[in-house]
């Protein structure tokens, strides 16, 4: 069966020492990111930027703007995003400026609440530009390990191996949670976290390990 083949193919990737070391190093970097308010907010902005855009583009913009996420006005930030060739400069600049109002509360919640599903729900309900996927991505990037980032790369792999019948353009929260259960089962069979599984699935689809 195709589903069984996915576990075998993932098992081969997990046995590649070079890939596994890279994945584990990236996970350690994620954990280290939660030590700084600025880094936490930067990761939140990165995830706002990557919605319907590439992770590579988000990384480039994140590196170029740096502390500008906290300091630039909405107009200045929009102009900066546009100058960097970013696809949605006005909308995402507005989201990022609005997200600043939640900066301290986000910092408190991610350091005090030990229920990642509750933190994700709060983020999706309160931070503009953040849905379940972006909230899961943000929390993984600051060291949370048991939430699934269900993006097009993960969906392509799940579709290829018969776990989903089609690749949806959008996901309701209910459908998101259904697919997350599928991924949790795969991670459990491989004895790895969902954070680690995401990086391996990304590698399967793209041949790269980003964030």
Protein backbone atom coordinates (compact mmCIF):
# COMPACT_ATOMS: atom_id res chain seq x y z
CA UNK A 1 0.00 0.00 0.00
CA UNK A 2 1.08 3.57 -0.66
CA UNK A 3 0.64 4.49 3.01
CA UNK A 4 3.03 1.77 4.10
CA UNK A 5 5.48 2.99 1.46
CA UNK A 6 5.49 6.47 3.02
CA UNK A 7 6.71 5.06 6.33
CA UNK A 8 9.42 3.10 4.53
CA UNK A 9 10.52 6.12 2.50
CA UNK A 10 10.58 8.32 5.59
CA UNK A 11 12.52 5.62 7.41
CA UNK A 12 15.20 5.78 4.72
CA UNK A 13 15.48 9.55 5.13
CA UNK A 14 15.71 9.21 8.90
CA UNK A 15 18.59 6.79 8.46
CA UNK A 16 20.57 9.38 6.48
CA UNK A 17 22.97 10.75 9.12
CA UNK A 18 23.62 14.01 7.28
CA UNK A 19 19.93 14.84 6.88
CA UNK A 20 19.12 13.80 10.45
CA UNK A 21 21.92 15.94 11.91
CA UNK A 22 20.67 18.92 9.92
CA UNK A 23 17.11 18.39 11.15
CA UNK A 24 18.16 18.05 14.79
CA UNK A 25 20.35 21.16 14.51
CA UNK A 26 17.42 23.11 13.09
CA UNK A 27 15.17 21.95 15.95
CA UNK A 28 17.74 23.18 18.47
CA UNK A 29 17.81 26.54 16.70
CA UNK A 30 14.03 26.74 17.03
CA UNK A 31 14.26 26.13 20.78
CA UNK A 32 16.88 28.86 21.13
CA UNK A 33 14.64 31.40 19.39
CA UNK A 34 12.29 31.57 22.38
CA UNK A 35 14.98 33.17 24.54
CA UNK A 36 14.41 36.64 23.08
CA UNK A 37 11.30 38.81 22.72
CA UNK A 38 12.70 40.29 19.50
CA UNK A 39 13.37 36.88 17.97
CA UNK A 40 9.91 35.64 18.95
CA UNK A 41 8.27 38.64 17.29
CA UNK A 42 10.53 38.29 14.26
CA UNK A 43 9.38 34.68 13.85
CA UNK A 44 5.75 35.78 14.15
CA UNK A 45 6.35 38.32 11.36
CA UNK A 46 8.11 35.67 9.27
CA UNK A 47 5.03 33.45 9.50
CA UNK A 48 2.72 36.34 8.60
CA UNK A 49 4.88 36.95 5.53
CA UNK A 50 4.99 33.32 4.37
CA UNK A 51 1.21 32.88 4.13
CA UNK A 52 0.61 32.19 0.41
CA UNK A 53 4.25 33.07 -0.25
CA UNK A 54 7.47 31.08 -0.29
CA UNK A 55 9.50 30.33 2.82
CA UNK A 56 12.62 31.37 0.91
CA UNK A 57 11.12 34.79 0.22
CA UNK A 58 10.04 35.15 3.84
CA UNK A 59 13.54 34.29 5.05
CA UNK A 60 15.11 36.85 2.74
CA UNK A 61 12.72 39.60 3.85
CA UNK A 62 13.15 38.66 7.51
CA UNK A 63 16.91 38.97 7.18
CA UNK A 64 16.74 42.29 5.37
CA UNK A 65 14.22 44.03 7.63
CA UNK A 66 15.42 42.79 11.01
CA UNK A 67 14.31 45.12 13.81
CA UNK A 68 12.28 47.13 11.30
CA UNK A 69 9.41 44.76 12.09
CA UNK A 70 9.20 46.53 15.46
CA UNK A 71 10.21 50.07 14.48
CA UNK A 72 9.03 51.01 10.99
CA UNK A 73 5.69 52.72 10.45
CA UNK A 74 3.10 50.90 8.37
CA UNK A 75 3.89 53.05 5.32
CA UNK A 76 7.65 52.66 5.75
CA UNK A 77 7.32 48.91 6.22
CA UNK A 78 5.08 48.62 3.18
CA UNK A 79 7.60 50.52 1.05
CA UNK A 80 10.43 48.36 2.36
CA UNK A 81 8.54 45.16 1.56
CA UNK A 82 7.74 46.45 -1.91
CA UNK A 83 11.37 47.36 -2.55
CA UNK A 84 12.33 43.78 -1.64
CA UNK A 85 9.89 42.42 -4.22
CA UNK A 86 7.47 41.07 -1.63
CA UNK A 87 4.11 40.07 -3.08
CA UNK A 88 1.66 41.65 -0.58
CA UNK A 89 3.45 44.70 0.86
CA UNK A 90 0.43 46.74 1.98
CA UNK A 91 -1.65 43.97 3.57
CA UNK A 92 1.22 42.30 5.40
CA UNK A 93 2.66 45.61 6.62
CA UNK A 94 -0.75 46.36 8.13
CA UNK A 95 -0.88 42.92 9.79
CA UNK A 96 2.62 43.27 11.24
CA UNK A 97 1.94 46.73 12.68
CA UNK A 98 -1.29 45.44 14.24
CA UNK A 99 0.57 42.40 15.61
CA UNK A 100 2.84 44.75 17.60
CA UNK A 101 -0.09 45.45 19.90
CA UNK A 102 0.01 41.78 20.95
CA UNK A 103 3.79 41.51 21.25
CA UNK A 104 3.98 41.38 25.06
CA UNK A 105 0.96 39.12 25.37
CA UNK A 106 2.37 36.72 22.78
CA UNK A 107 5.65 36.63 24.71
CA UNK A 108 3.83 35.89 27.97
CA UNK A 109 1.57 33.20 26.52
CA UNK A 110 4.29 31.26 24.69
CA UNK A 111 6.35 31.17 27.88
CA UNK A 112 3.58 30.45 30.38
CA UNK A 113 0.91 28.32 28.68
CA UNK A 114 1.90 24.65 28.42
CA UNK A 115 -0.97 23.71 26.07
CA UNK A 116 0.21 24.36 22.48
CA UNK A 117 -3.25 23.78 21.00
CA UNK A 118 -4.67 26.49 23.26
CA UNK A 119 -1.85 28.88 22.34
CA UNK A 120 -2.43 28.19 18.64
CA UNK A 121 -6.14 28.88 18.96
CA UNK A 122 -5.46 32.15 20.79
CA UNK A 123 -3.03 33.27 18.11
CA UNK A 124 -5.43 32.43 15.28
CA UNK A 125 -8.27 34.25 17.06
CA UNK A 126 -6.34 37.37 18.02
CA UNK A 127 -3.38 38.11 15.72
CA UNK A 128 -4.18 39.52 12.25
CA UNK A 129 -2.76 37.45 9.39
CA UNK A 130 -2.39 34.34 11.54
CA UNK A 131 -4.47 31.22 10.92
CA UNK A 132 -3.97 27.67 12.19
CA UNK A 133 -1.15 26.96 9.72
CA UNK A 134 0.72 30.19 10.44
CA UNK A 135 0.23 29.79 14.21
CA UNK A 136 1.53 26.21 14.05
CA UNK A 137 4.50 27.36 11.97
CA UNK A 138 5.31 30.17 14.39
CA UNK A 139 5.11 27.91 17.44
CA UNK A 140 7.30 25.27 15.80
CA UNK A 141 9.84 27.96 14.94
CA UNK A 142 10.15 28.93 18.62
CA UNK A 143 10.50 25.38 19.92
CA UNK A 144 7.03 23.84 20.23
CA UNK A 145 7.11 20.29 18.89
CA UNK A 146 3.62 18.81 18.71
CA UNK A 147 1.70 20.86 16.16
CA UNK A 148 1.48 20.14 12.43
CA UNK A 149 2.26 22.74 9.77
CA UNK A 150 -0.10 21.71 7.00
CA UNK A 151 1.14 23.55 3.93
CA UNK A 152 1.23 22.67 0.23
CA UNK A 153 4.43 20.65 0.58
CA UNK A 154 3.00 18.43 3.33
CA UNK A 155 -0.30 18.08 1.47
CA UNK A 156 1.50 17.06 -1.72
CA UNK A 157 3.28 14.24 0.10
CA UNK A 158 0.09 13.09 1.84
CA UNK A 159 -1.75 13.10 -1.48
CA UNK A 160 1.03 11.23 -3.27
CA UNK A 161 0.92 8.44 -0.70
CA UNK A 162 -2.88 8.24 -0.49
CA UNK A 163 -3.53 9.87 2.87
CA UNK A 164 -5.73 12.59 1.34
CA UNK A 165 -7.81 12.30 -1.81
CA UNK A 166 -7.10 15.78 -3.11
CA UNK A 167 -5.04 18.85 -2.25
CA UNK A 168 -7.41 21.49 -0.85
CA UNK A 169 -6.82 25.15 -1.61
CA UNK A 170 -7.99 26.14 1.86
CA UNK A 171 -8.51 24.23 5.11
CA UNK A 172 -11.22 24.79 7.68
CA UNK A 173 -10.08 24.39 11.27
CA UNK A 174 -11.98 21.10 11.50
CA UNK A 175 -10.26 19.71 8.41
CA UNK A 176 -6.92 21.01 9.63
CA UNK A 177 -7.32 19.05 12.85
CA UNK A 178 -8.35 15.93 10.93
CA UNK A 179 -5.17 16.02 8.86
CA UNK A 180 -3.12 16.83 11.95
CA UNK A 181 -4.35 13.57 13.49
CA UNK A 182 -3.09 11.69 10.41
CA UNK A 183 0.31 13.34 10.77
CA UNK A 184 0.37 12.63 14.51
CA UNK A 185 -0.15 8.94 13.79
CA UNK A 186 2.70 8.92 11.24
CA UNK A 187 4.98 10.72 13.69
CA UNK A 188 4.03 8.25 16.41
CA UNK A 189 4.88 5.26 14.24
CA UNK A 190 8.27 6.79 13.45
CA UNK A 191 8.77 7.80 17.11
CA UNK A 192 9.47 11.43 16.25
CA UNK A 193 7.72 14.72 17.00
CA UNK A 194 5.44 16.54 14.57
CA UNK A 195 8.06 19.31 14.37
CA UNK A 196 10.65 16.82 13.22
CA UNK A 197 8.24 15.09 10.84
CA UNK A 198 7.45 18.39 9.14
CA UNK A 199 11.10 18.96 8.28
CA UNK A 200 11.42 15.46 6.80
CA UNK A 201 8.22 15.86 4.76
CA UNK A 202 9.52 19.20 3.48
CA UNK A 203 12.76 17.49 2.54
CA UNK A 204 10.85 14.77 0.70
CA UNK A 205 8.99 17.34 -1.38
CA UNK A 206 11.71 19.94 -1.95
CA UNK A 207 15.08 18.33 -1.19
CA UNK A 208 15.77 21.14 1.28
CA UNK A 209 15.48 21.79 5.01
CA UNK A 210 14.41 25.36 5.75
CA UNK A 211 12.09 26.44 8.55
